Amino acid sequence: MMKSRENTIVVKKIHANKNTIISTLGYYVLYVGPTFPGKNHDYGMFKKEFSTKINWFKDFNIRIDLGYQGFDKDYITKNTFISHKKPMKSKNNPNIKLSGLQKYENREMNKKRVIVENSIAGIKRYRCVVDRFRNHIPLMKDLTILLASGIWNLNVINRPAI
């Protein structure tokens, strides 16, 4: 008995593209890094873009998520704010919980960090950045996200004050 291929669905793995995006708490996108394949780690991409030998962030307060652990050891900053990570379960520590103070600090940091996530979502509103990219012209992916970020910044500038 032969099986028909008409009902077969072939799903290819499509890895997304990734960029490092630096934003202000006022929703402005300040920096868009080069496009990397989705398999790259966030902090590894960041270290390729910003050498640890130069004090890039010495005058800034930096808020980062847990994908950038080790940032405070590699870079000199005015202040670095990173969420508390829940510890691993072990024989010595079977009850894994964050303290009430750590949960409160995480909540306060995330209230400010969500603004950056909203900026990234605003860029992704322009679907050419998130849909499957079929263009093979060199650096076109980088140009596309730069243009989407620029349009987002124009949107932020023209937004009425609340």
N, C-alpha and C. Protein backbone atom coordinates (compact mmCIF):
# COMPACT_ATOMS: atom_id res chain seq x y z
N MET A 1 0.84 -1.17 0.00
CA MET A 1 0.00 0.00 0.00
C MET A 1 0.90 1.24 0.00
N MET A 2 0.65 2.12 -0.94
CA MET A 2 1.44 3.35 -1.05
C MET A 2 0.71 4.48 -0.33
N LYS A 3 1.50 5.29 0.33
CA LYS A 3 0.92 6.44 1.01
C LYS A 3 0.97 7.65 0.10
N SER A 4 -0.07 8.38 0.12
CA SER A 4 -0.13 9.59 -0.68
C SER A 4 0.56 10.73 0.06
N ARG A 5 1.26 11.58 -0.66
CA ARG A 5 1.94 12.72 -0.05
C ARG A 5 1.06 13.96 -0.03
N GLU A 6 -0.15 13.85 -0.49
CA GLU A 6 -1.03 15.02 -0.56
C GLU A 6 -1.37 15.55 0.81
N ASN A 7 -1.53 14.69 1.80
CA ASN A 7 -1.92 15.12 3.14
C ASN A 7 -0.73 15.36 4.06
N THR A 8 0.47 15.25 3.53
CA THR A 8 1.65 15.45 4.35
C THR A 8 1.99 16.92 4.45
N ILE A 9 2.22 17.39 5.66
CA ILE A 9 2.61 18.78 5.88
C ILE A 9 4.08 18.79 6.27
N VAL A 10 4.86 19.52 5.53
CA VAL A 10 6.27 19.62 5.82
C VAL A 10 6.50 20.95 6.55
N VAL A 11 7.06 20.86 7.74
CA VAL A 11 7.33 22.06 8.53
C VAL A 11 8.84 22.23 8.61
N LYS A 12 9.32 23.33 8.10
CA LYS A 12 10.75 23.62 8.19
C LYS A 12 10.99 24.48 9.41
N LYS A 13 12.13 24.28 10.02
CA LYS A 13 12.49 25.11 11.16
C LYS A 13 12.94 26.47 10.64
N ILE A 14 12.25 27.49 11.08
CA ILE A 14 12.60 28.85 10.68
C ILE A 14 13.11 29.56 11.92
N HIS A 15 14.40 29.87 11.92
CA HIS A 15 14.97 30.58 13.05
C HIS A 15 14.83 32.07 12.81
N ALA A 16 14.42 32.74 13.82
CA ALA A 16 14.21 34.18 13.72
C ALA A 16 15.56 34.90 13.65
N ASN A 17 15.50 36.14 13.28
CA ASN A 17 16.68 37.00 13.32
C ASN A 17 16.65 37.76 14.63
N LYS A 18 17.83 38.11 15.13
CA LYS A 18 17.92 38.81 16.40
C LYS A 18 18.75 40.07 16.23
N ASN A 19 18.38 41.09 16.97
CA ASN A 19 19.14 42.34 17.01
C ASN A 19 19.21 42.80 18.46
N THR A 20 20.28 43.49 18.79
CA THR A 20 20.38 44.15 20.09
C THR A 20 19.73 45.51 19.94
N ILE A 21 18.80 45.82 20.83
CA ILE A 21 18.11 47.11 20.78
C ILE A 21 18.28 47.80 22.12
N ILE A 22 18.79 49.03 22.08
CA ILE A 22 18.94 49.84 23.28
C ILE A 22 17.93 50.97 23.18
N SER A 23 17.13 51.11 24.24
CA SER A 23 16.04 52.08 24.25
C SER A 23 16.07 52.88 25.53
N THR A 24 15.46 54.06 25.50
CA THR A 24 15.34 54.88 26.70
C THR A 24 14.01 54.58 27.37
N LEU A 25 13.82 55.11 28.57
CA LEU A 25 12.54 54.95 29.26
C LEU A 25 11.46 55.82 28.65
N GLY A 26 11.84 56.66 27.66
CA GLY A 26 10.87 57.47 26.94
C GLY A 26 10.47 56.84 25.62
N TYR A 27 10.72 55.54 25.45
CA TYR A 27 10.36 54.75 24.28
C TYR A 27 11.23 55.00 23.05
N TYR A 28 12.23 55.86 23.12
CA TYR A 28 13.08 56.12 21.95
C TYR A 28 14.09 54.99 21.78
N VAL A 29 14.26 54.54 20.55
CA VAL A 29 15.26 53.54 20.24
C VAL A 29 16.56 54.28 19.94
N LEU A 30 17.59 54.00 20.73
CA LEU A 30 18.87 54.67 20.56
C LEU A 30 19.84 53.88 19.69
N TYR A 31 19.76 52.56 19.75
CA TYR A 31 20.73 51.72 19.06
C TYR A 31 20.06 50.46 18.56
N VAL A 32 20.36 50.11 17.33
CA VAL A 32 19.93 48.84 16.76
C VAL A 32 21.18 48.15 16.24
N GLY A 33 21.47 47.00 16.79
CA GLY A 33 22.67 46.25 16.40
C GLY A 33 22.48 45.50 15.10
N PRO A 34 23.55 44.93 14.59
CA PRO A 34 23.45 44.14 13.36
C PRO A 34 22.60 42.89 13.58
N THR A 35 22.08 42.37 12.50
CA THR A 35 21.20 41.20 12.55
C THR A 35 22.03 39.92 12.66
N PHE A 36 21.66 39.08 13.63
CA PHE A 36 22.29 37.78 13.82
C PHE A 36 21.23 36.70 13.64
N PRO A 37 21.65 35.48 13.29
CA PRO A 37 20.68 34.38 13.25
C PRO A 37 20.12 34.12 14.65
N GLY A 38 18.93 33.55 14.73
CA GLY A 38 18.24 33.35 15.99
C GLY A 38 18.93 32.43 16.98
N LYS A 39 19.90 31.65 16.54
CA LYS A 39 20.56 30.71 17.44
C LYS A 39 21.56 31.39 18.37
N ASN A 40 21.90 32.63 18.12
CA ASN A 40 22.90 33.32 18.94
C ASN A 40 22.31 33.76 20.27
N HIS A 41 23.16 33.75 21.29
CA HIS A 41 22.74 34.19 22.62
C HIS A 41 22.81 35.71 22.70
N ASP A 42 21.87 36.33 23.42
CA ASP A 42 21.77 37.79 23.49
C ASP A 42 23.06 38.43 23.98
N TYR A 43 23.61 37.90 25.07
CA TYR A 43 24.79 38.52 25.65
C TYR A 43 26.02 38.30 24.78
N GLY A 44 26.09 37.17 24.10
CA GLY A 44 27.19 36.92 23.16
C GLY A 44 27.17 37.91 22.01
N MET A 45 25.97 38.20 21.50
CA MET A 45 25.84 39.21 20.44
C MET A 45 26.28 40.57 20.95
N PHE A 46 25.86 40.89 22.17
CA PHE A 46 26.17 42.20 22.75
C PHE A 46 27.68 42.38 22.90
N LYS A 47 28.38 41.33 23.33
CA LYS A 47 29.84 41.43 23.50
C LYS A 47 30.56 41.56 22.16
N LYS A 48 29.99 41.02 21.10
CA LYS A 48 30.58 41.20 19.77
C LYS A 48 30.41 42.64 19.29
N GLU A 49 29.32 43.28 19.69
CA GLU A 49 29.03 44.65 19.25
C GLU A 49 29.76 45.70 20.08
N PHE A 50 29.88 45.46 21.38
CA PHE A 50 30.51 46.41 22.29
C PHE A 50 31.67 45.72 22.99
N SER A 51 32.88 46.10 22.64
CA SER A 51 34.07 45.51 23.24
C SER A 51 34.10 45.79 24.74
N THR A 52 34.53 44.80 25.51
CA THR A 52 34.61 44.97 26.96
C THR A 52 35.80 45.82 27.36
N LYS A 53 36.70 46.10 26.44
CA LYS A 53 37.89 46.91 26.74
C LYS A 53 37.60 48.40 26.79
N ILE A 54 36.46 48.81 26.22
CA ILE A 54 36.09 50.23 26.19
C ILE A 54 34.96 50.46 27.20
N ASN A 55 35.02 51.55 27.94
CA ASN A 55 34.00 51.88 28.92
C ASN A 55 32.82 52.59 28.24
N TRP A 56 32.00 51.82 27.55
CA TRP A 56 30.88 52.36 26.79
C TRP A 56 29.82 52.98 27.69
N PHE A 57 29.57 52.39 28.84
CA PHE A 57 28.39 52.70 29.64
C PHE A 57 28.73 53.30 31.00
N LYS A 58 29.90 53.91 31.13
CA LYS A 58 30.34 54.38 32.45
C LYS A 58 29.46 55.49 33.02
N ASP A 59 28.74 56.23 32.19
CA ASP A 59 27.90 57.34 32.66
C ASP A 59 26.42 57.02 32.63
N PHE A 60 26.06 55.74 32.52
CA PHE A 60 24.65 55.37 32.35
C PHE A 60 24.16 54.44 33.44
N ASN A 61 22.87 54.55 33.73
CA ASN A 61 22.17 53.56 34.55
C ASN A 61 21.59 52.54 33.58
N ILE A 62 21.95 51.28 33.75
CA ILE A 62 21.58 50.24 32.80
C ILE A 62 20.59 49.28 33.45
N ARG A 63 19.48 49.02 32.76
CA ARG A 63 18.50 48.02 33.18
C ARG A 63 18.52 46.90 32.15
N ILE A 64 18.80 45.71 32.62
CA ILE A 64 18.93 44.57 31.71
C ILE A 64 18.13 43.39 32.25
N ASP A 65 17.83 42.45 31.36
CA ASP A 65 17.12 41.26 31.81
C ASP A 65 18.11 40.13 32.07
N LEU A 66 17.59 38.97 32.46
CA LEU A 66 18.45 37.87 32.87
C LEU A 66 19.25 37.26 31.72
N GLY A 67 18.94 37.64 30.48
CA GLY A 67 19.72 37.16 29.34
C GLY A 67 21.10 37.78 29.27
N TYR A 68 21.35 38.80 30.08
CA TYR A 68 22.63 39.50 30.06
C TYR A 68 23.38 39.33 31.38
N GLN A 69 23.27 38.16 32.00
CA GLN A 69 23.99 37.92 33.24
C GLN A 69 25.49 37.98 32.99
N GLY A 70 26.19 38.65 33.87
CA GLY A 70 27.62 38.85 33.72
C GLY A 70 27.96 40.23 33.20
N PHE A 71 26.95 40.99 32.81
CA PHE A 71 27.15 42.33 32.27
C PHE A 71 27.87 43.21 33.29
N ASP A 72 27.45 43.13 34.55
CA ASP A 72 28.04 43.98 35.59
C ASP A 72 29.50 43.63 35.86
N LYS A 73 29.94 42.44 35.53
CA LYS A 73 31.35 42.06 35.70
C LYS A 73 32.20 42.51 34.52
N ASP A 74 31.61 42.54 33.33
CA ASP A 74 32.37 42.86 32.12
C ASP A 74 32.40 44.34 31.78
N TYR A 75 31.37 45.09 32.16
CA TYR A 75 31.26 46.50 31.79
C TYR A 75 31.15 47.38 33.03
N ILE A 76 31.75 48.56 32.95
CA ILE A 76 31.67 49.53 34.03
C ILE A 76 30.48 50.44 33.74
N THR A 77 29.59 50.57 34.72
CA THR A 77 28.42 51.42 34.57
C THR A 77 28.24 52.28 35.82
N LYS A 78 27.40 53.28 35.69
CA LYS A 78 27.04 54.08 36.85
C LYS A 78 26.25 53.20 37.83
N ASN A 79 25.21 52.56 37.34
CA ASN A 79 24.39 51.59 38.09
C ASN A 79 23.90 50.53 37.12
N THR A 80 23.89 49.28 37.56
CA THR A 80 23.35 48.20 36.76
C THR A 80 22.21 47.56 37.55
N PHE A 81 21.05 47.46 36.92
CA PHE A 81 19.89 46.86 37.55
C PHE A 81 19.55 45.58 36.79
N ILE A 82 19.60 44.46 37.49
CA ILE A 82 19.25 43.17 36.89
C ILE A 82 18.35 42.42 37.87
N SER A 83 17.39 41.70 37.34
CA SER A 83 16.43 40.97 38.17
C SER A 83 17.13 39.88 38.97
N HIS A 84 16.51 39.50 40.07
CA HIS A 84 17.00 38.38 40.87
C HIS A 84 16.54 37.09 40.23
N LYS A 85 17.45 36.15 40.10
CA LYS A 85 17.12 34.88 39.49
C LYS A 85 16.76 33.88 40.59
N LYS A 86 15.75 33.10 40.32
CA LYS A 86 15.34 32.07 41.27
C LYS A 86 16.44 31.01 41.34
N PRO A 87 16.89 30.62 42.54
CA PRO A 87 17.98 29.64 42.64
C PRO A 87 17.54 28.25 42.18
N MET A 88 18.52 27.44 41.85
CA MET A 88 18.26 26.07 41.41
C MET A 88 17.89 25.20 42.62
N LYS A 89 17.04 24.24 42.39
CA LYS A 89 16.66 23.31 43.44
C LYS A 89 17.81 22.32 43.66
N SER A 90 18.15 22.08 44.92
CA SER A 90 19.21 21.14 45.24
C SER A 90 18.87 20.43 46.54
N LYS A 91 19.75 19.50 46.95
CA LYS A 91 19.53 18.79 48.21
C LYS A 91 19.62 19.76 49.39
N ASN A 92 20.56 20.69 49.31
CA ASN A 92 20.74 21.66 50.39
C ASN A 92 19.64 22.72 50.39
N ASN A 93 19.06 22.99 49.23
CA ASN A 93 18.03 24.03 49.11
C ASN A 93 16.81 23.47 48.39
N PRO A 94 16.00 22.62 49.07
CA PRO A 94 14.85 22.01 48.39
C PRO A 94 13.70 23.00 48.19
N ASN A 95 13.58 24.01 49.04
CA ASN A 95 12.53 25.03 48.93
C ASN A 95 13.08 26.23 48.18
N ILE A 96 12.81 26.31 46.91
CA ILE A 96 13.36 27.42 46.13
C ILE A 96 12.32 28.52 46.01
N LYS A 97 12.61 29.63 46.64
CA LYS A 97 11.73 30.79 46.57
C LYS A 97 12.57 32.05 46.67
N LEU A 98 12.08 33.09 46.04
CA LEU A 98 12.69 34.40 46.24
C LEU A 98 12.06 35.03 47.48
N SER A 99 12.84 35.84 48.18
CA SER A 99 12.30 36.51 49.36
C SER A 99 11.30 37.57 48.91
N GLY A 100 10.54 38.07 49.85
CA GLY A 100 9.56 39.11 49.55
C GLY A 100 10.22 40.37 49.00
N LEU A 101 11.39 40.73 49.55
CA LEU A 101 12.12 41.90 49.08
C LEU A 101 12.60 41.71 47.65
N GLN A 102 13.11 40.50 47.33
CA GLN A 102 13.57 40.22 45.97
C GLN A 102 12.42 40.28 44.97
N LYS A 103 11.27 39.75 45.36
CA LYS A 103 10.10 39.80 44.47
C LYS A 103 9.67 41.25 44.24
N TYR A 104 9.70 42.06 45.29
CA TYR A 104 9.34 43.47 45.17
C TYR A 104 10.32 44.20 44.25
N GLU A 105 11.62 43.95 44.44
CA GLU A 105 12.63 44.59 43.58
C GLU A 105 12.45 44.17 42.13
N ASN A 106 12.18 42.90 41.88
CA ASN A 106 11.95 42.42 40.51
C ASN A 106 10.74 43.12 39.89
N ARG A 107 9.68 43.27 40.67
CA ARG A 107 8.47 43.92 40.17
C ARG A 107 8.75 45.38 39.79
N GLU A 108 9.49 46.08 40.64
CA GLU A 108 9.81 47.49 40.37
C GLU A 108 10.72 47.63 39.14
N MET A 109 11.69 46.73 38.99
CA MET A 109 12.57 46.78 37.82
C MET A 109 11.79 46.46 36.55
N ASN A 110 10.90 45.49 36.64
CA ASN A 110 10.14 45.08 35.46
C ASN A 110 9.15 46.13 35.01
N LYS A 111 8.69 46.98 35.91
CA LYS A 111 7.81 48.08 35.52
C LYS A 111 8.53 49.03 34.57
N LYS A 112 9.81 49.22 34.79
CA LYS A 112 10.59 50.10 33.91
C LYS A 112 11.09 49.36 32.68
N ARG A 113 11.43 48.08 32.85
CA ARG A 113 11.94 47.31 31.72
C ARG A 113 10.86 47.04 30.68
N VAL A 114 9.61 47.00 31.09
CA VAL A 114 8.53 46.72 30.15
C VAL A 114 8.42 47.84 29.12
N ILE A 115 8.88 49.03 29.44
CA ILE A 115 8.87 50.14 28.48
C ILE A 115 9.76 49.81 27.29
N VAL A 116 10.92 49.22 27.57
CA VAL A 116 11.82 48.81 26.49
C VAL A 116 11.17 47.71 25.66
N GLU A 117 10.50 46.76 26.34
CA GLU A 117 9.81 45.70 25.61
C GLU A 117 8.70 46.28 24.73
N ASN A 118 8.03 47.32 25.20
CA ASN A 118 7.01 47.98 24.38
C ASN A 118 7.63 48.66 23.17
N SER A 119 8.83 49.21 23.32
CA SER A 119 9.52 49.80 22.16
C SER A 119 9.83 48.74 21.12
N ILE A 120 10.30 47.58 21.59
CA ILE A 120 10.61 46.49 20.67
C ILE A 120 9.34 46.01 19.98
N ALA A 121 8.24 45.92 20.73
CA ALA A 121 6.95 45.52 20.14
C ALA A 121 6.49 46.56 19.13
N GLY A 122 6.77 47.84 19.39
CA GLY A 122 6.41 48.90 18.44
C GLY A 122 7.17 48.76 17.13
N ILE A 123 8.43 48.35 17.22
CA ILE A 123 9.22 48.11 15.99
C ILE A 123 8.65 46.91 15.25
N LYS A 124 8.28 45.88 15.99
CA LYS A 124 7.76 44.66 15.37
C LYS A 124 6.36 44.85 14.78
N ARG A 125 5.74 45.99 15.09
CA ARG A 125 4.44 46.29 14.50
C ARG A 125 4.56 46.37 12.98
N TYR A 126 5.72 46.75 12.51
CA TYR A 126 5.99 46.77 11.07
C TYR A 126 6.40 45.37 10.68
N ARG A 127 5.48 44.64 10.12
CA ARG A 127 5.57 43.19 9.96
C ARG A 127 6.76 42.72 9.13
N CYS A 128 7.34 43.59 8.33
CA CYS A 128 8.47 43.16 7.50
C CYS A 128 9.65 42.73 8.38
N VAL A 129 9.66 43.14 9.63
CA VAL A 129 10.75 42.79 10.54
C VAL A 129 10.57 41.39 11.10
N VAL A 130 9.33 40.96 11.32
CA VAL A 130 9.09 39.69 12.00
C VAL A 130 8.68 38.55 11.07
N ASP A 131 8.15 38.85 9.91
CA ASP A 131 7.76 37.79 8.99
C ASP A 131 8.99 37.15 8.35
N ARG A 132 8.76 36.04 7.69
CA ARG A 132 9.86 35.35 7.02
C ARG A 132 10.46 36.27 5.97
N PHE A 133 11.78 36.45 6.04
CA PHE A 133 12.46 37.39 5.17
C PHE A 133 13.07 36.62 4.00
N ARG A 134 12.58 36.86 2.80
CA ARG A 134 13.00 36.08 1.63
C ARG A 134 14.01 36.82 0.76
N ASN A 135 14.35 38.03 1.13
CA ASN A 135 15.28 38.81 0.33
C ASN A 135 16.71 38.41 0.68
N HIS A 136 17.55 38.21 -0.31
CA HIS A 136 18.92 37.76 -0.07
C HIS A 136 19.95 38.84 -0.39
N ILE A 137 19.51 40.07 -0.53
CA ILE A 137 20.46 41.16 -0.77
C ILE A 137 21.24 41.38 0.51
N PRO A 138 22.57 41.47 0.44
CA PRO A 138 23.38 41.66 1.65
C PRO A 138 22.95 42.91 2.42
N LEU A 139 22.90 42.79 3.73
CA LEU A 139 22.58 43.85 4.67
C LEU A 139 21.15 44.38 4.56
N MET A 140 20.28 43.72 3.79
CA MET A 140 18.90 44.19 3.67
C MET A 140 18.12 43.98 4.97
N LYS A 141 18.43 42.90 5.72
CA LYS A 141 17.77 42.68 7.00
C LYS A 141 18.11 43.81 7.97
N ASP A 142 19.38 44.23 7.97
CA ASP A 142 19.80 45.33 8.84
C ASP A 142 19.09 46.62 8.45
N LEU A 143 19.02 46.90 7.17
CA LEU A 143 18.37 48.11 6.69
C LEU A 143 16.89 48.12 7.04
N THR A 144 16.25 46.95 6.93
CA THR A 144 14.82 46.86 7.23
C THR A 144 14.53 47.18 8.68
N ILE A 145 15.31 46.63 9.61
CA ILE A 145 15.04 46.91 11.02
C ILE A 145 15.42 48.33 11.38
N LEU A 146 16.44 48.89 10.72
CA LEU A 146 16.79 50.29 10.96
C LEU A 146 15.66 51.22 10.52
N LEU A 147 15.08 50.93 9.36
CA LEU A 147 13.97 51.74 8.88
C LEU A 147 12.74 51.61 9.79
N ALA A 148 12.45 50.39 10.24
CA ALA A 148 11.32 50.20 11.14
C ALA A 148 11.55 50.93 12.47
N SER A 149 12.80 50.93 12.95
CA SER A 149 13.12 51.66 14.19
C SER A 149 12.99 53.16 14.00
N GLY A 150 13.41 53.65 12.85
CA GLY A 150 13.27 55.07 12.56
C GLY A 150 11.82 55.50 12.48
N ILE A 151 10.98 54.68 11.85
CA ILE A 151 9.55 54.99 11.79
C ILE A 151 8.95 54.96 13.19
N TRP A 152 9.37 53.99 14.01
CA TRP A 152 8.89 53.93 15.39
C TRP A 152 9.28 55.20 16.15
N ASN A 153 10.53 55.67 15.99
CA ASN A 153 10.95 56.89 16.69
C ASN A 153 10.14 58.10 16.22
N LEU A 154 9.81 58.17 14.94
CA LEU A 154 8.95 59.26 14.46
C LEU A 154 7.56 59.17 15.10
N ASN A 155 7.08 57.95 15.26
CA ASN A 155 5.80 57.75 15.92
C ASN A 155 5.85 58.23 17.38
N VAL A 156 6.96 57.96 18.06
CA VAL A 156 7.11 58.37 19.46
C VAL A 156 7.20 59.91 19.55
N ILE A 157 7.91 60.53 18.62
CA ILE A 157 8.05 61.99 18.64
C ILE A 157 6.70 62.67 18.42
N ASN A 158 5.91 62.12 17.53
CA ASN A 158 4.62 62.75 17.18
C ASN A 158 3.48 62.32 18.10
N ARG A 159 3.76 61.50 19.09
CA ARG A 159 2.73 61.06 20.01
C ARG A 159 2.30 62.22 20.91
N PRO A 160 1.02 62.40 21.10
CA PRO A 160 0.57 63.49 22.00
C PRO A 160 0.95 63.18 23.45
N ALA A 161 1.31 64.21 24.18
CA ALA A 161 1.69 64.05 25.59
C ALA A 161 0.49 63.63 26.42
N ILE A 162 0.71 62.75 27.36
CA ILE A 162 -0.39 62.23 28.20
C ILE A 162 -0.54 63.13 29.41
